[in-house]
Amino acid sequence: MDTLRRSLSRWKRYHIKVHLADEDLMMPLTVRPRDTVMDLRALLVREGITSWKKTFYYNSRQLEEHETLKEANIQNGSVLLLVSNN
């Protein structure tokens, strides 16, 4: 059963939103639990949003670059905050 659960998690998708504080914009993203913050940055770049000098926060906690969404306890429907490092 564990093997099946791990196999299915490979296909699991979360629909989250990133609140771009500077632009006051909510960007919907489809991600996987094993995606990292760096992967989120790459997804935003594909959408035309630069995020390299900005920090991601979830539940008032700064996310680390190599932290996975699963490690950060981000679930389907979560909202991340993206703010400038100024």
N, C-alpha and C. Protein backbone atom coordinates (compact mmCIF):
# COMPACT_ATOMS: atom_id res chain seq x y z
N MET A 1 0.82 -1.20 0.00
CA MET A 1 0.00 0.00 0.00
C MET A 1 0.86 1.25 0.00
N ASP A 2 1.98 1.23 0.75
CA ASP A 2 2.89 2.38 0.77
C ASP A 2 3.44 2.68 -0.61
N THR A 3 3.78 1.63 -1.34
CA THR A 3 4.32 1.82 -2.69
C THR A 3 3.28 2.48 -3.59
N LEU A 4 2.04 2.05 -3.47
CA LEU A 4 0.97 2.64 -4.27
C LEU A 4 0.78 4.11 -3.90
N ARG A 5 0.80 4.41 -2.61
CA ARG A 5 0.63 5.79 -2.15
C ARG A 5 1.76 6.68 -2.67
N ARG A 6 3.00 6.19 -2.61
CA ARG A 6 4.14 6.97 -3.13
C ARG A 6 4.04 7.15 -4.63
N SER A 7 3.58 6.12 -5.32
CA SER A 7 3.43 6.21 -6.76
C SER A 7 2.36 7.23 -7.14
N LEU A 8 1.25 7.25 -6.42
CA LEU A 8 0.18 8.20 -6.71
C LEU A 8 0.58 9.63 -6.37
N SER A 9 1.42 9.81 -5.35
CA SER A 9 1.83 11.17 -4.98
C SER A 9 2.66 11.82 -6.07
N ARG A 10 3.26 11.01 -6.91
CA ARG A 10 4.02 11.54 -8.04
C ARG A 10 3.12 12.32 -8.99
N TRP A 11 1.85 11.91 -9.06
CA TRP A 11 0.90 12.54 -9.97
C TRP A 11 0.03 13.59 -9.30
N LYS A 12 0.13 13.69 -7.98
CA LYS A 12 -0.72 14.64 -7.23
C LYS A 12 -0.38 16.06 -7.63
N ARG A 13 -1.41 16.88 -7.77
CA ARG A 13 -1.24 18.28 -8.13
C ARG A 13 -1.98 19.14 -7.11
N TYR A 14 -1.39 20.26 -6.77
CA TYR A 14 -2.03 21.23 -5.91
C TYR A 14 -2.31 22.48 -6.72
N HIS A 15 -3.42 23.10 -6.44
CA HIS A 15 -3.74 24.40 -7.04
C HIS A 15 -3.56 25.42 -5.92
N ILE A 16 -2.51 26.21 -6.05
CA ILE A 16 -2.21 27.22 -5.04
C ILE A 16 -2.26 28.59 -5.70
N LYS A 17 -2.13 29.62 -4.88
CA LYS A 17 -2.04 30.98 -5.39
C LYS A 17 -0.83 31.66 -4.76
N VAL A 18 -0.21 32.52 -5.54
CA VAL A 18 0.89 33.34 -5.04
C VAL A 18 0.42 34.78 -5.06
N HIS A 19 0.42 35.40 -3.89
CA HIS A 19 0.03 36.81 -3.79
C HIS A 19 1.28 37.65 -4.03
N LEU A 20 1.29 38.37 -5.14
CA LEU A 20 2.40 39.25 -5.48
C LEU A 20 2.12 40.59 -4.81
N ALA A 21 2.75 40.82 -3.68
CA ALA A 21 2.44 41.98 -2.85
C ALA A 21 2.70 43.30 -3.57
N ASP A 22 3.78 43.39 -4.33
CA ASP A 22 4.13 44.65 -5.00
C ASP A 22 3.10 45.05 -6.06
N GLU A 23 2.56 44.06 -6.77
CA GLU A 23 1.59 44.34 -7.83
C GLU A 23 0.16 44.17 -7.36
N ASP A 24 -0.04 43.73 -6.12
CA ASP A 24 -1.37 43.43 -5.58
C ASP A 24 -2.13 42.52 -6.53
N LEU A 25 -1.49 41.39 -6.86
CA LEU A 25 -2.02 40.44 -7.84
C LEU A 25 -1.96 39.04 -7.26
N MET A 26 -2.96 38.22 -7.55
CA MET A 26 -2.96 36.81 -7.16
C MET A 26 -2.71 35.96 -8.39
N MET A 27 -1.66 35.18 -8.37
CA MET A 27 -1.29 34.34 -9.51
C MET A 27 -1.58 32.88 -9.18
N PRO A 28 -2.53 32.25 -9.88
CA PRO A 28 -2.80 30.82 -9.64
C PRO A 28 -1.72 29.96 -10.28
N LEU A 29 -1.31 28.92 -9.57
CA LEU A 29 -0.30 27.99 -10.07
C LEU A 29 -0.74 26.56 -9.78
N THR A 30 -0.37 25.65 -10.65
CA THR A 30 -0.56 24.23 -10.41
C THR A 30 0.82 23.65 -10.15
N VAL A 31 0.99 23.04 -8.99
CA VAL A 31 2.30 22.56 -8.55
C VAL A 31 2.18 21.13 -8.03
N ARG A 32 3.34 20.52 -7.78
CA ARG A 32 3.40 19.18 -7.19
C ARG A 32 3.99 19.30 -5.78
N PRO A 33 3.66 18.39 -4.88
CA PRO A 33 4.20 18.45 -3.52
C PRO A 33 5.72 18.42 -3.47
N ARG A 34 6.37 17.79 -4.42
CA ARG A 34 7.84 17.69 -4.39
C ARG A 34 8.53 18.90 -5.04
N ASP A 35 7.76 19.84 -5.59
CA ASP A 35 8.35 21.07 -6.16
C ASP A 35 9.00 21.88 -5.05
N THR A 36 10.08 22.57 -5.40
CA THR A 36 10.79 23.42 -4.45
C THR A 36 10.43 24.88 -4.71
N VAL A 37 10.89 25.75 -3.84
CA VAL A 37 10.69 27.19 -4.02
C VAL A 37 11.35 27.63 -5.32
N MET A 38 12.49 27.06 -5.64
CA MET A 38 13.15 27.39 -6.91
C MET A 38 12.27 27.00 -8.10
N ASP A 39 11.56 25.89 -8.00
CA ASP A 39 10.63 25.49 -9.05
C ASP A 39 9.49 26.49 -9.19
N LEU A 40 9.02 27.02 -8.04
CA LEU A 40 7.97 28.05 -8.08
C LEU A 40 8.46 29.29 -8.80
N ARG A 41 9.70 29.67 -8.53
CA ARG A 41 10.28 30.84 -9.21
C ARG A 41 10.30 30.63 -10.73
N ALA A 42 10.69 29.43 -11.15
CA ALA A 42 10.73 29.12 -12.58
C ALA A 42 9.33 29.18 -13.20
N LEU A 43 8.33 28.68 -12.48
CA LEU A 43 6.95 28.76 -12.98
C LEU A 43 6.51 30.21 -13.15
N LEU A 44 6.87 31.06 -12.20
CA LEU A 44 6.50 32.47 -12.29
C LEU A 44 7.20 33.16 -13.46
N VAL A 45 8.46 32.81 -13.71
CA VAL A 45 9.20 33.39 -14.83
C VAL A 45 8.50 33.02 -16.15
N ARG A 46 8.02 31.79 -16.24
CA ARG A 46 7.28 31.37 -17.45
C ARG A 46 6.02 32.19 -17.65
N GLU A 47 5.47 32.69 -16.54
CA GLU A 47 4.27 33.53 -16.61
C GLU A 47 4.62 35.01 -16.79
N GLY A 48 5.93 35.31 -16.89
CA GLY A 48 6.36 36.68 -17.11
C GLY A 48 6.57 37.49 -15.85
N ILE A 49 6.70 36.82 -14.71
CA ILE A 49 6.87 37.51 -13.43
C ILE A 49 8.26 37.23 -12.88
N THR A 50 9.02 38.28 -12.64
CA THR A 50 10.36 38.14 -12.08
C THR A 50 10.24 38.00 -10.56
N SER A 51 10.89 36.98 -10.00
CA SER A 51 10.79 36.75 -8.56
C SER A 51 12.15 36.55 -7.91
N TRP A 52 13.23 36.84 -8.61
CA TRP A 52 14.57 36.50 -8.10
C TRP A 52 15.00 37.34 -6.92
N LYS A 53 14.57 38.56 -6.79
CA LYS A 53 14.95 39.39 -5.65
C LYS A 53 13.78 39.54 -4.68
N LYS A 54 12.99 38.47 -4.59
CA LYS A 54 11.82 38.48 -3.72
C LYS A 54 11.83 37.23 -2.85
N THR A 55 11.10 37.29 -1.76
CA THR A 55 11.06 36.19 -0.79
C THR A 55 9.65 35.63 -0.68
N PHE A 56 9.57 34.30 -0.64
CA PHE A 56 8.30 33.61 -0.44
C PHE A 56 8.04 33.41 1.05
N TYR A 57 6.79 33.64 1.46
CA TYR A 57 6.37 33.39 2.84
C TYR A 57 5.11 32.55 2.82
N TYR A 58 5.02 31.67 3.81
CA TYR A 58 3.80 30.88 4.00
C TYR A 58 3.56 30.79 5.50
N ASN A 59 2.37 31.17 5.93
CA ASN A 59 2.02 31.19 7.36
C ASN A 59 3.05 31.97 8.18
N SER A 60 3.41 33.15 7.69
CA SER A 60 4.35 34.07 8.36
C SER A 60 5.75 33.50 8.50
N ARG A 61 6.09 32.49 7.71
CA ARG A 61 7.43 31.89 7.76
C ARG A 61 8.08 31.98 6.39
N GLN A 62 9.33 32.43 6.39
CA GLN A 62 10.08 32.53 5.14
C GLN A 62 10.42 31.13 4.65
N LEU A 63 10.20 30.88 3.36
CA LEU A 63 10.51 29.59 2.77
C LEU A 63 11.93 29.58 2.24
N GLU A 64 12.60 28.46 2.41
CA GLU A 64 13.98 28.29 1.92
C GLU A 64 13.95 27.83 0.47
N GLU A 65 14.98 28.17 -0.28
CA GLU A 65 15.03 27.89 -1.73
C GLU A 65 14.89 26.41 -2.07
N HIS A 66 15.51 25.54 -1.28
CA HIS A 66 15.50 24.11 -1.62
C HIS A 66 14.44 23.34 -0.85
N GLU A 67 13.58 24.03 -0.13
CA GLU A 67 12.50 23.41 0.62
C GLU A 67 11.38 23.00 -0.33
N THR A 68 10.88 21.78 -0.18
CA THR A 68 9.76 21.34 -1.02
C THR A 68 8.45 21.85 -0.43
N LEU A 69 7.42 21.86 -1.25
CA LEU A 69 6.12 22.30 -0.77
C LEU A 69 5.60 21.36 0.31
N LYS A 70 5.90 20.09 0.17
CA LYS A 70 5.49 19.12 1.18
C LYS A 70 6.17 19.41 2.51
N GLU A 71 7.47 19.70 2.48
CA GLU A 71 8.21 20.02 3.70
C GLU A 71 7.67 21.28 4.37
N ALA A 72 7.19 22.23 3.57
CA ALA A 72 6.65 23.49 4.09
C ALA A 72 5.19 23.34 4.51
N ASN A 73 4.63 22.14 4.34
CA ASN A 73 3.25 21.84 4.71
C ASN A 73 2.24 22.65 3.89
N ILE A 74 2.59 22.92 2.64
CA ILE A 74 1.70 23.63 1.73
C ILE A 74 0.74 22.61 1.12
N GLN A 75 -0.54 22.93 1.17
CA GLN A 75 -1.59 22.03 0.71
C GLN A 75 -2.33 22.65 -0.48
N ASN A 76 -3.24 21.88 -1.04
CA ASN A 76 -4.10 22.37 -2.10
C ASN A 76 -4.90 23.56 -1.58
N GLY A 77 -4.92 24.66 -2.33
CA GLY A 77 -5.65 25.85 -1.93
C GLY A 77 -4.85 26.84 -1.11
N SER A 78 -3.60 26.53 -0.79
CA SER A 78 -2.77 27.45 0.00
C SER A 78 -2.45 28.72 -0.78
N VAL A 79 -2.16 29.79 -0.03
CA VAL A 79 -1.76 31.06 -0.63
C VAL A 79 -0.39 31.43 -0.08
N LEU A 80 0.56 31.65 -0.99
CA LEU A 80 1.91 32.08 -0.61
C LEU A 80 2.02 33.57 -0.86
N LEU A 81 2.83 34.21 -0.06
CA LEU A 81 3.08 35.65 -0.22
C LEU A 81 4.47 35.83 -0.81
N LEU A 82 4.59 36.68 -1.81
CA LEU A 82 5.87 36.98 -2.45
C LEU A 82 6.12 38.48 -2.31
N VAL A 83 7.18 38.84 -1.56
CA VAL A 83 7.48 40.24 -1.30
C VAL A 83 8.91 40.58 -1.69
N SER A 84 9.15 41.85 -2.02
CA SER A 84 10.49 42.32 -2.37
C SER A 84 11.40 42.30 -1.17
N ASN A 85 12.68 42.15 -1.42
CA ASN A 85 13.69 42.11 -0.36
C ASN A 85 14.19 43.50 0.01
N ASN A 86 13.51 44.56 -0.32
CA ASN A 86 13.96 45.92 -0.04
C ASN A 86 14.02 46.19 1.42
